Amino acid sequence: MDWQRYTLLGGIVAVVLALIFQWNEFKEQHTPALDRETVIRSESRGTETTPHANTGDSDVPQLQSQTGSDQGEQKTGRQLISVTTDVFELLIDPRGGDIVKVALRKFEEELHSPDRPLILLNQTRDHTYIAQSGLIGQNGTDSAAGRPLFTVAQTQYALSEGKDALTVDLTLQQQGANITKRFTFNRGDYLIKVSYLVDNTGDTPWSAAMFGQIKRDDREPPVDTGIGVSPFLGAAIHTSEENYFKQDFEDIAEKPTRESVEGGWVAMVQHYFLSAWVPPQDERNTFELRELSNGLFRMGFTSPQVQIPAATQGELSASFYAGPKDVYRLEEISPYLDLTVDYGWLWWIAKPLFRVLHFIQEHIVSNWGWAIILLTVFIKALLFPLSAAGTKSMARMRKFAPQMKKLQEQYKDNRQKLAEETMKLYRREKINPMGGCLPILLQMPVFIALYWMLTETVELRHAPWILWIHDLSAKDPYFILPVLMGASMWFMQKLNPQPTDPTQARIMQLMPVMMTFFFLWFPAGLVLYWIANNLITIAQTWYINKQVDAGKV
C-alpha cells in the first residue's frame, strides 16, 4: 500500500538525517585544534651559490656567488616584535625581519569567536607559512650562509587612536652603510609597505637587490568547503603570456617556474584569503615558484640591483598584502591581482554578477542574504524572454499531453506511424519539443558563473541572513534550506509535463531527493539562491500555464 511505502521512505529519511547530525557532532569533537603558538626556527644553511642552482637548500635566492657569515646570532635567542593595528596582529622576527605571523582581527577563526582572529600566516611546530624579504648581491645583507639580526627600539608597537599610519623600524649597521628596514602600516588597509633605507657612509658605491618571498608547506587550511566545492590552494603569478598563471603544490614540485616581467606580483592563494608580494611596477622583476629540499615551497620575486653612490642615501621597497580577497582593493594594488578571486573560466560573467550583488548589498538591503535573493530576481528578469519561450513550449506539451498519450496507445505497435502522427500534432499545435531544452542550456553558463561567484565571495563568510542562518558561507546547521530546496524542486516538476517513459519518470521523481542530499553540505548562500530561483520559476511557470490553458498564448 502507498501509506506503507511512504512510511518506510519517511523512516529511511529520518535515519539518514540522524546519522548526518551524529557525524557532524563527531567531526566537530574530533577536529584537531589549530596550533596557534608561533615558534622561532634557526635558519637553514646551504651551499647554493648560483642564480640557477636547484639544490633548494638556501633560505634566500641568489644573484651571484655569495658567501657570508652568521651576522650576530645571540646564544640566548631573540624576542619577536609584536605589531597591532586595527586589522592586524602581527609578529616580526628580528632575524631577517621576516613576518612570521599574521592574524586578521576583523575575521574570526570561527563564528562567534571574537577573541580568536583568523590566523593567515604563522610558523608553528607543524606548520610554516611566512613572508620573508631581504637584500642580496654585492652588498646584500642576506646570503646562503645566514640572515642579518636587526635591532629595534622596542618589541611592541600599536597603531594609536587618531593615527592613520604606523612605522616599525629595524636597524642594521653594515660596514660602510647604515640600513633601516621599515614596515609601514595604514589604518584599515591590509597592504604593508616594506622598505630598505640605505645610508651609504662608505667611499664606494653600495649595490644590492631586494627580494621578497612567501615560504609555505602544503598543508591545507582548516576550511569546511562542503561537497562539490574545491577552492584553489597554491601559488599564482602574472606572466608575459598569462595574466593569471596558477600552480598548485604538486605542479610546483613537478615543474618549477621562473619568469621575468615588467611589474607583476606573486601570491599564495586559498579560499577567501591570500598573501602577495608586489614589487615596484616600473621595474622588470624576476619571479620564481619552486619546492625547496626541506619540503617547503618558495614563491618569490627578485628586483633589479640598485646602486647607491658613496655618501648618499637610497631606498629599495616592495609591498606585501595579507588579507581577504577584496576585488576592489586588489584591483587598486596591481593589474590582474584581482584575478586571484578565481571565478573560473566564466569569470567574464561572474565579475559583473558580483558587482551587481555588491551594489544591491551596499545601497539597497545591507544584508547579503536578501542581496542574493534580489540578485536572483534581477537575473530571472534579465533572462525572462529566453526562459519564457521554453516555459511556453513546455506548457503546450503539458496541455496536449492527453492527445499524445492517446496516440501512444493507438500506435503502440507501430513506432513509425507513432512518430509521424506525433510530428503532425507538433506542427498543428505549434509545439517545439526542443523549445524547453535550448533556453535552459543557454542559461546554464549564468548559473554556473553565479555558483562560483558566491563560492569565492569573502563577504559571505560569517555573514548572517535571518533567524538560524548566521553564516551564509557555511552549511545550514539544521538542513532546513536544503529540504525547502528539494520541496520547491519537486513542486516545480509537477508543473511541467512528465516523461512518458516510466523509467525516466521514476528518475525524475528521485531527482529532488538526490539534489536535497547533495545540497545538505552546500553553503547556505548557494542553497538560498537555488530556492529563490526555484520559487521564481514556479511562479513564472504557473502564470504561463494559465495563459496557455486559456488560449491567450
Protein backbone atom coordinates (compact mmCIF):
# COMPACT_ATOMS: atom_id res chain seq x y z
CA MET A 1 0.00 0.00 0.00
CA ASP A 2 1.08 3.59 -0.63
CA TRP A 3 0.93 4.59 3.02
CA GLN A 4 3.32 1.78 3.93
CA ARG A 5 5.74 2.84 1.18
CA TYR A 6 5.64 6.47 2.28
CA THR A 7 6.05 5.49 5.94
CA LEU A 8 9.10 3.39 5.09
CA LEU A 9 10.56 6.21 2.98
CA GLY A 10 9.96 8.69 5.80
CA GLY A 11 11.68 6.36 8.26
CA ILE A 12 14.71 6.00 5.98
CA VAL A 13 14.96 9.78 5.60
CA ALA A 14 14.73 10.23 9.39
CA VAL A 15 17.52 7.68 9.98
CA VAL A 16 19.75 9.32 7.34
CA LEU A 17 19.25 12.76 8.88
CA ALA A 18 20.00 11.38 12.36
CA LEU A 19 23.22 9.82 11.06
CA ILE A 20 24.18 13.12 9.43
CA PHE A 21 23.65 15.02 12.69
CA GLN A 22 25.71 12.45 14.59
CA TRP A 23 28.51 12.59 12.02
CA ASN A 24 28.67 16.39 12.23
CA GLU A 25 28.84 16.21 16.02
CA PHE A 26 31.56 13.55 15.88
CA LYS A 27 33.54 15.57 13.30
CA GLU A 28 33.42 18.73 15.42
CA GLN A 29 34.53 16.86 18.55
CA HIS A 30 37.46 15.15 16.80
CA THR A 31 38.73 18.01 14.66
CA PRO A 32 42.29 18.72 15.84
CA ALA A 33 42.81 22.11 17.44
CA LEU A 34 44.69 24.66 15.39
CA ASP A 35 48.21 25.24 16.69
CA ARG A 36 48.38 29.00 17.32
CA GLU A 37 51.74 29.21 19.07
CA THR A 38 54.43 30.87 16.96
CA VAL A 39 57.93 29.41 17.26
CA ILE A 40 61.34 30.68 16.18
CA ARG A 41 63.36 28.38 13.98
CA SER A 42 67.04 28.58 13.15
CA GLU A 43 67.63 29.42 9.52
CA SER A 44 68.79 26.71 7.15
CA ARG A 45 72.38 26.71 5.98
CA GLY A 46 73.18 25.75 2.44
CA THR A 47 75.65 25.90 -0.40
CA GLU A 48 73.57 27.35 -3.21
CA THR A 49 75.83 29.84 -4.94
CA THR A 50 74.49 30.43 -8.45
CA PRO A 51 71.35 32.11 -9.81
CA HIS A 52 70.04 28.89 -11.32
CA ALA A 53 71.19 26.41 -8.70
CA ASN A 54 68.42 24.00 -7.86
CA THR A 55 69.55 22.40 -4.64
CA GLY A 56 66.71 24.09 -2.79
CA ASP A 57 68.69 24.32 0.44
CA SER A 58 69.23 28.09 0.55
CA ASP A 59 66.84 30.20 2.55
CA VAL A 60 67.18 33.12 0.13
CA PRO A 61 67.54 33.45 -3.66
CA GLN A 62 71.00 34.11 -5.08
CA LEU A 63 72.15 36.63 -7.67
CA GLN A 64 75.76 35.55 -7.88
CA SER A 65 78.38 33.64 -5.91
CA GLN A 66 77.83 34.81 -2.38
CA THR A 67 79.40 33.87 0.88
CA GLY A 68 78.76 35.24 4.28
CA SER A 69 78.79 34.58 7.94
CA ASP A 70 76.11 34.39 10.56
CA GLN A 71 75.61 38.02 11.50
CA GLY A 72 75.35 38.24 15.22
CA GLU A 73 73.23 35.31 16.35
CA GLN A 74 72.61 35.55 20.05
CA LYS A 75 73.12 32.44 22.11
CA THR A 76 70.23 33.40 24.34
CA GLY A 77 67.70 33.68 21.48
CA ARG A 78 65.68 36.64 20.34
CA GLN A 79 62.30 38.18 21.05
CA LEU A 80 59.71 38.59 18.31
CA ILE A 81 58.40 42.07 17.54
CA SER A 82 54.65 42.47 18.08
CA VAL A 83 52.67 44.86 15.89
CA THR A 84 48.96 45.60 16.42
CA THR A 85 46.79 47.69 14.12
CA ASP A 86 43.05 47.88 13.59
CA VAL A 87 43.26 44.98 11.10
CA PHE A 88 46.42 43.07 12.11
CA GLU A 89 48.00 41.18 14.97
CA LEU A 90 51.44 40.58 13.54
CA LEU A 91 54.83 39.19 14.61
CA ILE A 92 58.17 40.09 13.04
CA ASP A 93 61.33 38.08 13.61
CA PRO A 94 64.37 40.36 14.05
CA ARG A 95 66.40 37.62 12.37
CA GLY A 96 65.98 38.73 8.76
CA GLY A 97 62.99 40.93 9.55
CA ASP A 98 60.59 38.20 8.44
CA ILE A 99 56.86 38.32 9.06
CA VAL A 100 56.22 35.04 10.89
CA LYS A 101 52.61 35.55 11.94
CA VAL A 102 49.61 37.47 10.60
CA ALA A 103 46.25 37.32 12.34
CA LEU A 104 43.33 39.21 10.78
CA ARG A 105 41.43 40.99 13.56
CA LYS A 106 38.28 41.66 11.52
CA PHE A 107 37.86 37.98 10.61
CA GLU A 108 37.08 35.39 13.26
CA GLU A 109 38.67 31.96 13.12
CA GLU A 110 35.25 30.50 13.79
CA LEU A 111 31.81 32.07 14.02
CA HIS A 112 31.15 33.77 17.38
CA SER A 113 34.81 33.66 18.48
CA PRO A 114 35.86 37.35 18.57
CA ASP A 115 38.79 36.54 20.85
CA ARG A 116 40.34 34.31 18.16
CA PRO A 117 41.12 36.23 14.98
CA LEU A 118 41.77 34.22 11.84
CA ILE A 119 45.45 33.31 11.51
CA LEU A 120 46.61 33.58 7.91
CA LEU A 121 50.40 33.33 8.27
CA ASN A 122 52.14 31.50 11.08
CA GLN A 123 55.20 29.47 11.96
CA THR A 124 54.37 26.72 14.42
CA ARG A 125 55.84 23.35 15.29
CA ASP A 126 53.98 21.61 12.48
CA HIS A 127 53.17 24.41 10.02
CA THR A 128 55.17 27.02 8.12
CA TYR A 129 53.67 29.95 6.25
CA ILE A 130 55.80 33.11 6.48
CA ALA A 131 56.76 36.16 4.43
CA GLN A 132 60.46 36.86 4.01
CA SER A 133 62.33 39.76 2.44
CA GLY A 134 65.93 40.86 2.25
CA LEU A 135 68.83 42.22 0.23
CA ILE A 136 71.12 40.12 -1.95
CA GLY A 137 74.02 40.89 -4.21
CA GLN A 138 77.38 42.60 -3.72
CA ASN A 139 76.41 44.43 -0.52
CA GLY A 140 73.42 42.32 0.36
CA THR A 141 72.62 41.60 3.97
CA ASP A 142 71.24 38.12 3.24
CA SER A 143 73.07 35.13 1.84
CA ALA A 144 73.04 31.36 1.78
CA ALA A 145 75.22 31.42 4.87
CA GLY A 146 72.95 33.48 7.09
CA ARG A 147 70.40 36.20 7.69
CA PRO A 148 71.06 39.53 9.44
CA LEU A 149 69.98 40.15 13.02
CA PHE A 150 68.32 43.57 13.22
CA THR A 151 68.00 45.69 16.32
CA VAL A 152 64.82 47.51 17.28
CA ALA A 153 63.97 50.27 19.74
CA GLN A 154 61.09 48.31 21.27
CA THR A 155 59.39 44.95 20.84
CA GLN A 156 55.75 46.10 20.91
CA TYR A 157 54.09 48.54 18.54
CA ALA A 158 50.44 49.57 18.22
CA LEU A 159 48.53 51.92 15.96
CA SER A 160 47.28 54.69 18.23
CA GLU A 161 43.76 56.08 18.19
CA GLY A 162 43.52 59.03 15.83
CA LYS A 163 46.61 57.94 13.89
CA ASP A 164 46.33 56.73 10.30
CA ALA A 165 49.78 55.16 9.95
CA LEU A 166 52.33 53.22 11.97
CA THR A 167 56.00 52.68 11.12
CA VAL A 168 58.21 49.99 12.61
CA ASP A 169 61.96 50.41 12.04
CA LEU A 170 64.54 47.64 12.29
CA THR A 171 68.14 48.80 12.04
CA LEU A 172 71.38 47.18 11.00
CA GLN A 173 74.90 48.58 10.91
CA GLN A 174 76.82 47.27 7.96
CA GLN A 175 80.42 48.05 7.07
CA GLY A 176 80.15 51.27 5.09
CA ALA A 177 76.36 51.59 5.41
CA ASN A 178 73.52 52.03 7.88
CA ILE A 179 70.40 50.13 6.89
CA THR A 180 66.85 50.59 8.19
CA LYS A 181 64.20 48.03 7.33
CA ARG A 182 60.90 49.88 7.66
CA PHE A 183 57.41 48.41 7.81
CA THR A 184 54.60 50.91 7.15
CA PHE A 185 51.04 50.05 8.19
CA ASN A 186 47.98 52.14 7.27
CA ARG A 187 44.65 52.15 9.09
CA GLY A 188 42.05 49.88 7.54
CA ASP A 189 44.47 48.53 4.95
CA TYR A 190 45.92 45.03 4.51
CA LEU A 191 48.79 46.27 2.33
CA ILE A 192 52.13 46.66 4.14
CA LYS A 193 54.97 48.66 2.62
CA VAL A 194 58.39 47.11 3.26
CA SER A 195 61.30 49.49 2.62
CA TYR A 196 65.06 49.32 2.96
CA LEU A 197 66.50 52.78 3.67
CA VAL A 198 70.21 52.69 2.92
CA ASP A 199 72.62 55.38 4.10
CA ASN A 200 75.87 54.72 2.26
CA THR A 201 78.54 56.13 4.56
CA GLY A 202 81.39 54.50 2.67
CA ASP A 203 83.55 55.84 -0.11
CA THR A 204 82.48 53.26 -2.74
CA PRO A 205 79.07 52.60 -4.37
CA TRP A 206 76.71 50.31 -2.48
CA SER A 207 74.89 47.71 -4.61
CA ALA A 208 72.18 45.14 -3.83
CA ALA A 209 68.81 43.83 -5.00
CA MET A 210 65.68 43.30 -2.93
CA PHE A 211 63.85 40.00 -2.78
CA GLY A 212 60.54 39.05 -1.25
CA GLN A 213 59.15 35.55 -0.89
CA ILE A 214 56.42 33.51 0.68
CA LYS A 215 57.62 30.28 2.23
CA ARG A 216 54.95 27.69 2.93
CA ASP A 217 54.30 23.99 3.35
CA ASP A 218 51.45 22.25 1.50
CA ARG A 219 49.15 21.95 4.49
CA GLU A 220 45.55 22.85 3.69
CA PRO A 221 43.84 25.48 5.84
CA PRO A 222 41.05 24.21 8.11
CA VAL A 223 38.12 25.31 5.93
CA ASP A 224 34.86 23.37 5.58
CA THR A 225 34.13 23.73 1.86
CA GLY A 226 31.34 21.21 1.58
CA ILE A 227 30.58 18.90 -1.33
CA GLY A 228 31.25 19.94 -4.90
CA VAL A 229 33.30 22.97 -3.88
CA SER A 230 37.08 22.76 -4.22
CA PRO A 231 38.68 26.20 -3.99
CA PHE A 232 42.17 26.54 -5.39
CA LEU A 233 45.11 26.29 -2.99
CA GLY A 234 48.53 27.22 -4.32
CA ALA A 235 50.65 29.92 -5.91
CA ALA A 236 49.83 32.41 -8.66
CA ILE A 237 51.81 34.96 -10.66
CA HIS A 238 51.32 37.36 -13.56
CA THR A 239 53.38 36.25 -16.57
CA SER A 240 54.12 37.64 -20.02
CA GLU A 241 51.73 35.07 -21.52
CA GLU A 242 49.03 34.74 -18.87
CA ASN A 243 47.51 37.43 -16.68
CA TYR A 244 46.74 34.79 -14.05
CA PHE A 245 49.04 31.77 -14.02
CA LYS A 246 48.41 29.41 -11.10
CA GLN A 247 50.15 26.27 -9.87
CA ASP A 248 49.18 24.04 -7.00
CA PHE A 249 51.90 22.46 -4.86
CA GLU A 250 52.07 19.31 -6.97
CA ASP A 251 52.57 21.40 -10.12
CA ILE A 252 55.36 23.42 -8.48
CA ALA A 253 57.13 20.27 -7.28
CA GLU A 254 56.90 18.74 -10.74
CA LYS A 255 57.88 21.82 -12.75
CA PRO A 256 59.35 24.94 -11.10
CA THR A 257 58.57 28.27 -12.75
CA ARG A 258 60.86 31.22 -13.39
CA GLU A 259 59.51 34.32 -15.16
CA SER A 260 60.65 37.92 -15.71
CA VAL A 261 58.00 40.59 -16.33
CA GLU A 262 57.50 44.31 -16.02
CA GLY A 263 55.87 44.92 -12.65
CA GLY A 264 53.99 41.76 -11.72
CA TRP A 265 53.18 40.06 -8.42
CA VAL A 266 53.38 36.66 -6.72
CA ALA A 267 50.60 35.36 -4.48
CA MET A 268 49.71 32.46 -2.23
CA VAL A 269 46.00 31.81 -2.80
CA GLN A 270 43.49 29.98 -0.63
CA HIS A 271 39.75 30.09 -0.05
CA TYR A 272 38.64 33.68 0.72
CA PHE A 273 42.18 34.93 1.59
CA LEU A 274 45.59 35.45 0.04
CA SER A 275 49.05 36.85 0.65
CA ALA A 276 51.03 38.53 -2.11
CA TRP A 277 54.31 40.30 -2.76
CA VAL A 278 54.01 43.26 -5.13
CA PRO A 279 57.41 44.66 -6.23
CA PRO A 280 57.83 48.05 -7.95
CA GLN A 281 55.61 48.13 -11.04
CA ASP A 282 58.02 50.22 -13.12
CA GLU A 283 60.85 47.65 -12.96
CA ARG A 284 61.43 44.29 -14.59
CA ASN A 285 61.25 41.73 -11.78
CA THR A 286 62.06 38.03 -11.73
CA PHE A 287 59.55 35.64 -10.17
CA GLU A 288 60.14 32.07 -9.04
CA LEU A 289 57.94 29.22 -7.84
CA ARG A 290 59.68 26.07 -6.66
CA GLU A 291 59.95 23.42 -3.98
CA LEU A 292 62.82 23.51 -1.50
CA SER A 293 64.69 20.42 -0.37
CA ASN A 294 63.12 20.56 3.09
CA GLY A 295 59.61 20.10 1.71
CA LEU A 296 58.68 23.77 1.82
CA PHE A 297 57.72 25.86 -1.21
CA ARG A 298 59.18 29.22 -2.17
CA MET A 299 57.08 31.76 -4.07
CA GLY A 300 59.01 34.96 -4.53
CA PHE A 301 60.45 37.79 -6.60
CA THR A 302 63.81 39.47 -7.07
CA SER A 303 64.05 43.09 -8.23
CA PRO A 304 66.94 44.56 -10.28
CA GLN A 305 70.07 45.62 -8.43
CA VAL A 306 70.16 49.17 -7.17
CA GLN A 307 73.39 51.14 -6.91
CA ILE A 308 73.70 53.90 -4.33
CA PRO A 309 76.71 56.21 -4.77
CA ALA A 310 79.07 56.88 -1.91
CA ALA A 311 77.91 59.34 0.76
CA THR A 312 74.29 59.29 -0.45
CA GLN A 313 71.02 57.69 0.58
CA GLY A 314 68.74 55.37 -1.36
CA GLU A 315 65.66 53.18 -0.95
CA LEU A 316 64.53 49.72 -2.07
CA SER A 317 60.91 48.78 -1.44
CA ALA A 318 58.03 46.46 -2.19
CA SER A 319 54.55 45.86 -0.80
CA PHE A 320 53.14 42.83 0.95
CA TYR A 321 49.40 42.10 1.08
CA ALA A 322 47.90 39.70 3.61
CA GLY A 323 44.13 39.71 3.87
CA PRO A 324 40.78 38.95 2.26
CA LYS A 325 40.13 38.59 -1.45
CA ASP A 326 38.68 42.08 -1.75
CA VAL A 327 38.16 42.53 -5.50
CA TYR A 328 38.10 46.33 -5.42
CA ARG A 329 41.23 46.68 -3.27
CA LEU A 330 43.19 44.10 -5.28
CA GLU A 331 42.37 45.97 -8.48
CA GLU A 332 43.96 49.08 -6.99
CA ILE A 333 47.16 47.34 -5.86
CA SER A 334 48.35 45.82 -9.14
CA PRO A 335 46.97 44.90 -12.59
CA TYR A 336 45.32 41.48 -12.66
CA LEU A 337 45.86 40.81 -8.95
CA ASP A 338 42.06 40.73 -8.62
CA LEU A 339 42.07 37.56 -10.77
CA THR A 340 43.18 35.70 -7.63
CA VAL A 341 39.47 35.87 -6.82
CA ASP A 342 39.13 32.85 -9.05
CA TYR A 343 35.73 32.64 -10.76
CA GLY A 344 36.93 30.01 -13.21
CA TRP A 345 36.62 30.19 -16.98
CA LEU A 346 33.28 32.04 -16.71
CA TRP A 347 34.89 34.99 -14.87
CA TRP A 348 33.63 37.36 -17.58
CA ILE A 349 30.08 36.60 -16.43
CA ALA A 350 30.81 36.19 -12.71
CA LYS A 351 32.57 39.56 -12.25
CA PRO A 352 29.58 41.65 -13.44
CA LEU A 353 27.28 39.49 -11.30
CA PHE A 354 29.42 40.23 -8.23
CA ARG A 355 29.32 43.96 -8.93
CA VAL A 356 25.53 43.85 -9.12
CA LEU A 357 25.38 41.80 -5.89
CA HIS A 358 27.75 44.21 -4.16
CA PHE A 359 25.71 47.22 -5.34
CA ILE A 360 22.47 45.67 -4.04
CA GLN A 361 24.00 44.92 -0.65
CA GLU A 362 25.76 48.28 -0.40
CA HIS A 363 22.91 50.55 -1.49
CA ILE A 364 19.60 48.69 -1.11
CA VAL A 365 19.31 46.00 1.58
CA SER A 366 22.54 45.89 3.68
CA ASN A 367 22.14 42.12 4.07
CA TRP A 368 23.93 39.60 1.88
CA GLY A 369 21.09 37.05 2.13
CA TRP A 370 18.46 39.46 0.83
CA ALA A 371 21.00 40.71 -1.73
CA ILE A 372 21.31 37.15 -3.10
CA ILE A 373 17.53 36.92 -3.42
CA LEU A 374 17.29 40.29 -5.20
CA LEU A 375 20.17 39.31 -7.49
CA THR A 376 18.27 36.14 -8.38
CA VAL A 377 15.20 38.24 -9.21
CA PHE A 378 17.37 40.51 -11.36
CA ILE A 379 18.86 37.56 -13.28
CA LYS A 380 15.47 35.91 -13.81
CA ALA A 381 14.04 39.21 -15.09
CA LEU A 382 17.01 39.64 -17.41
CA LEU A 383 16.60 36.13 -18.81
CA PHE A 384 12.79 36.16 -18.80
CA PRO A 385 12.34 36.39 -22.60
CA LEU A 386 14.61 33.38 -23.02
CA SER A 387 13.14 31.30 -20.23
CA ALA A 388 9.55 32.26 -21.10
CA ALA A 389 9.92 30.78 -24.58
CA GLY A 390 11.00 27.46 -23.09
CA THR A 391 8.25 27.55 -20.46
CA LYS A 392 5.59 28.22 -23.12
CA SER A 393 6.80 25.24 -25.14
CA MET A 394 6.70 23.02 -22.04
CA ALA A 395 3.22 24.34 -21.19
CA ARG A 396 1.91 23.45 -24.66
CA MET A 397 3.33 19.95 -24.32
CA ARG A 398 1.59 19.66 -20.95
CA LYS A 399 -1.71 20.89 -22.43
CA PHE A 400 -1.66 18.35 -25.24
CA ALA A 401 -0.21 15.51 -23.15
CA PRO A 402 -3.57 13.60 -23.19
CA GLN A 403 -3.62 13.63 -27.00
CA MET A 404 -0.02 12.43 -27.12
CA LYS A 405 -0.82 9.64 -24.69
CA LYS A 406 -3.81 8.65 -26.85
CA LEU A 407 -1.53 8.44 -29.88
CA GLN A 408 0.92 6.27 -27.96
CA GLU A 409 -1.84 3.83 -27.01
CA GLN A 410 -3.27 3.86 -30.54
CA TYR A 411 0.04 3.19 -32.30
CA LYS A 412 1.92 1.30 -29.58
CA ASP A 413 2.78 -1.47 -32.06
CA ASN A 414 3.79 0.84 -34.88
CA ARG A 415 6.64 3.15 -33.92
CA GLN A 416 6.97 4.68 -37.39
CA LYS A 417 3.31 5.64 -37.52
CA LEU A 418 3.51 6.97 -33.94
CA ALA A 419 6.41 9.22 -34.90
CA GLU A 420 4.54 10.52 -37.97
CA GLU A 421 1.36 11.31 -36.05
CA THR A 422 3.32 12.91 -33.20
CA MET A 423 5.11 15.24 -35.63
CA LYS A 424 1.75 16.15 -37.20
CA LEU A 425 0.45 17.07 -33.74
CA TYR A 426 3.58 19.17 -33.07
CA ARG A 427 3.16 21.06 -36.36
CA ARG A 428 -0.58 21.57 -35.94
CA GLU A 429 -0.35 22.87 -32.39
CA LYS A 430 3.00 24.70 -32.93
CA ILE A 431 4.84 22.64 -30.32
CA ASN A 432 8.63 22.62 -30.34
CA PRO A 433 9.84 19.59 -28.33
CA MET A 434 13.32 21.14 -28.07
CA GLY A 435 11.98 24.53 -27.10
CA GLY A 436 12.13 23.73 -23.40
CA CYS A 437 15.73 22.46 -23.53
CA LEU A 438 17.55 25.11 -25.52
CA PRO A 439 16.70 28.07 -23.23
CA ILE A 440 17.78 26.05 -20.19
CA LEU A 441 21.11 25.20 -21.84
CA LEU A 442 21.68 28.84 -22.75
CA GLN A 443 21.06 29.86 -19.12
CA MET A 444 23.46 27.28 -17.66
CA PRO A 445 26.64 29.44 -18.05
CA VAL A 446 24.96 32.16 -15.98
CA PHE A 447 24.00 29.70 -13.24
CA ILE A 448 27.50 28.16 -13.14
CA ALA A 449 29.15 31.60 -13.04
CA LEU A 450 26.84 32.66 -10.20
CA TYR A 451 27.67 29.46 -8.32
CA TRP A 452 31.42 30.17 -8.43
CA MET A 453 30.91 33.85 -7.71
CA LEU A 454 29.04 33.07 -4.50
CA THR A 455 31.65 30.45 -3.59
CA GLU A 456 34.53 32.94 -3.93
CA THR A 457 32.87 35.94 -2.26
CA VAL A 458 34.64 36.51 1.06
CA GLU A 459 31.93 38.96 2.12
CA LEU A 460 29.60 35.98 2.63
CA ARG A 461 31.94 34.45 5.22
CA HIS A 462 30.21 34.66 8.63
CA ALA A 463 27.55 36.92 7.05
CA PRO A 464 24.12 36.32 8.64
CA TRP A 465 20.77 36.26 6.89
CA ILE A 466 17.77 35.70 9.20
CA LEU A 467 16.80 33.51 12.15
CA TRP A 468 19.09 30.44 12.33
CA ILE A 469 21.29 31.31 9.34
CA HIS A 470 24.29 33.04 10.92
CA ASP A 471 26.84 32.21 8.21
CA LEU A 472 25.92 32.20 4.52
CA SER A 473 29.26 30.57 3.62
CA ALA A 474 28.59 27.51 5.81
CA LYS A 475 26.01 24.76 5.51
CA ASP A 476 22.61 25.16 7.13
CA PRO A 477 23.13 23.68 10.62
CA TYR A 478 19.59 22.28 10.68
CA PHE A 479 19.36 21.40 6.94
CA ILE A 480 16.12 23.34 6.61
CA LEU A 481 17.15 25.22 3.47
CA PRO A 482 18.19 22.06 1.56
CA VAL A 483 14.85 20.43 2.42
CA LEU A 484 12.98 23.54 1.23
CA MET A 485 15.06 23.49 -1.95
CA GLY A 486 14.13 19.85 -2.58
CA ALA A 487 10.44 20.58 -1.91
CA SER A 488 10.47 23.52 -4.33
CA MET A 489 12.17 21.35 -6.95
CA TRP A 490 9.52 18.64 -6.51
CA PHE A 491 6.69 21.18 -6.86
CA MET A 492 8.37 22.69 -9.92
CA GLN A 493 8.41 19.27 -11.58
CA LYS A 494 4.68 18.87 -11.03
CA LEU A 495 4.02 21.98 -13.11
CA ASN A 496 5.84 20.55 -16.11
CA PRO A 497 4.87 17.63 -18.36
CA GLN A 498 6.00 14.28 -17.02
CA PRO A 499 8.13 11.93 -19.14
CA THR A 500 6.07 9.29 -20.91
CA ASP A 501 8.74 6.65 -20.31
CA PRO A 502 8.17 5.03 -16.87
CA THR A 503 11.91 4.72 -16.17
CA GLN A 504 12.54 8.37 -16.97
CA ALA A 505 9.56 9.38 -14.87
CA ARG A 506 10.92 7.40 -11.92
CA ILE A 507 14.36 9.04 -12.26
CA MET A 508 12.77 12.49 -12.39
CA GLN A 509 10.85 11.72 -9.20
CA LEU A 510 14.09 10.81 -7.45
CA MET A 511 15.92 13.96 -8.57
CA PRO A 512 14.57 16.23 -5.78
CA VAL A 513 15.64 13.67 -3.17
CA MET A 514 19.11 13.31 -4.68
CA MET A 515 19.59 17.07 -5.02
CA THR A 516 18.43 17.59 -1.43
CA PHE A 517 21.06 15.12 -0.23
CA PHE A 518 23.86 16.86 -2.18
CA PHE A 519 22.77 20.30 -1.04
CA LEU A 520 22.93 19.32 2.64
CA TRP A 521 26.60 20.36 2.71
CA PHE A 522 26.42 23.29 0.31
CA PRO A 523 26.92 26.82 1.72
CA ALA A 524 23.63 28.35 2.83
CA GLY A 525 24.08 31.27 0.42
CA LEU A 526 24.17 28.90 -2.56
CA VAL A 527 21.15 26.95 -1.34
CA LEU A 528 19.29 30.22 -0.78
CA TYR A 529 19.98 31.18 -4.39
CA TRP A 530 18.57 27.88 -5.68
CA ILE A 531 15.44 28.21 -3.52
CA ALA A 532 14.83 31.75 -4.79
CA ASN A 533 15.46 30.62 -8.35
CA ASN A 534 13.03 27.69 -7.99
CA LEU A 535 10.28 29.80 -6.42
CA ILE A 536 10.52 32.42 -9.17
CA THR A 537 10.48 29.66 -11.80
CA ILE A 538 7.39 28.11 -10.14
CA ALA A 539 5.56 31.46 -10.24
CA GLN A 540 6.60 32.03 -13.85
CA THR A 541 5.58 28.50 -14.92
CA TRP A 542 2.23 28.72 -13.14
CA TYR A 543 1.43 32.05 -14.83
CA ILE A 544 2.41 30.86 -18.32
CA ASN A 545 0.50 27.58 -17.87
CA LYS A 546 -2.63 29.61 -17.07
CA GLN A 547 -2.09 31.73 -20.15
CA VAL A 548 -1.65 28.68 -22.38
CA ASP A 549 -4.66 26.88 -20.90
CA ALA A 550 -6.76 29.98 -21.52
CA GLY A 551 -5.57 30.16 -25.11
CA LYS A 552 -4.01 33.57 -24.64
CA VAL A 553 -0.51 32.41 -25.67
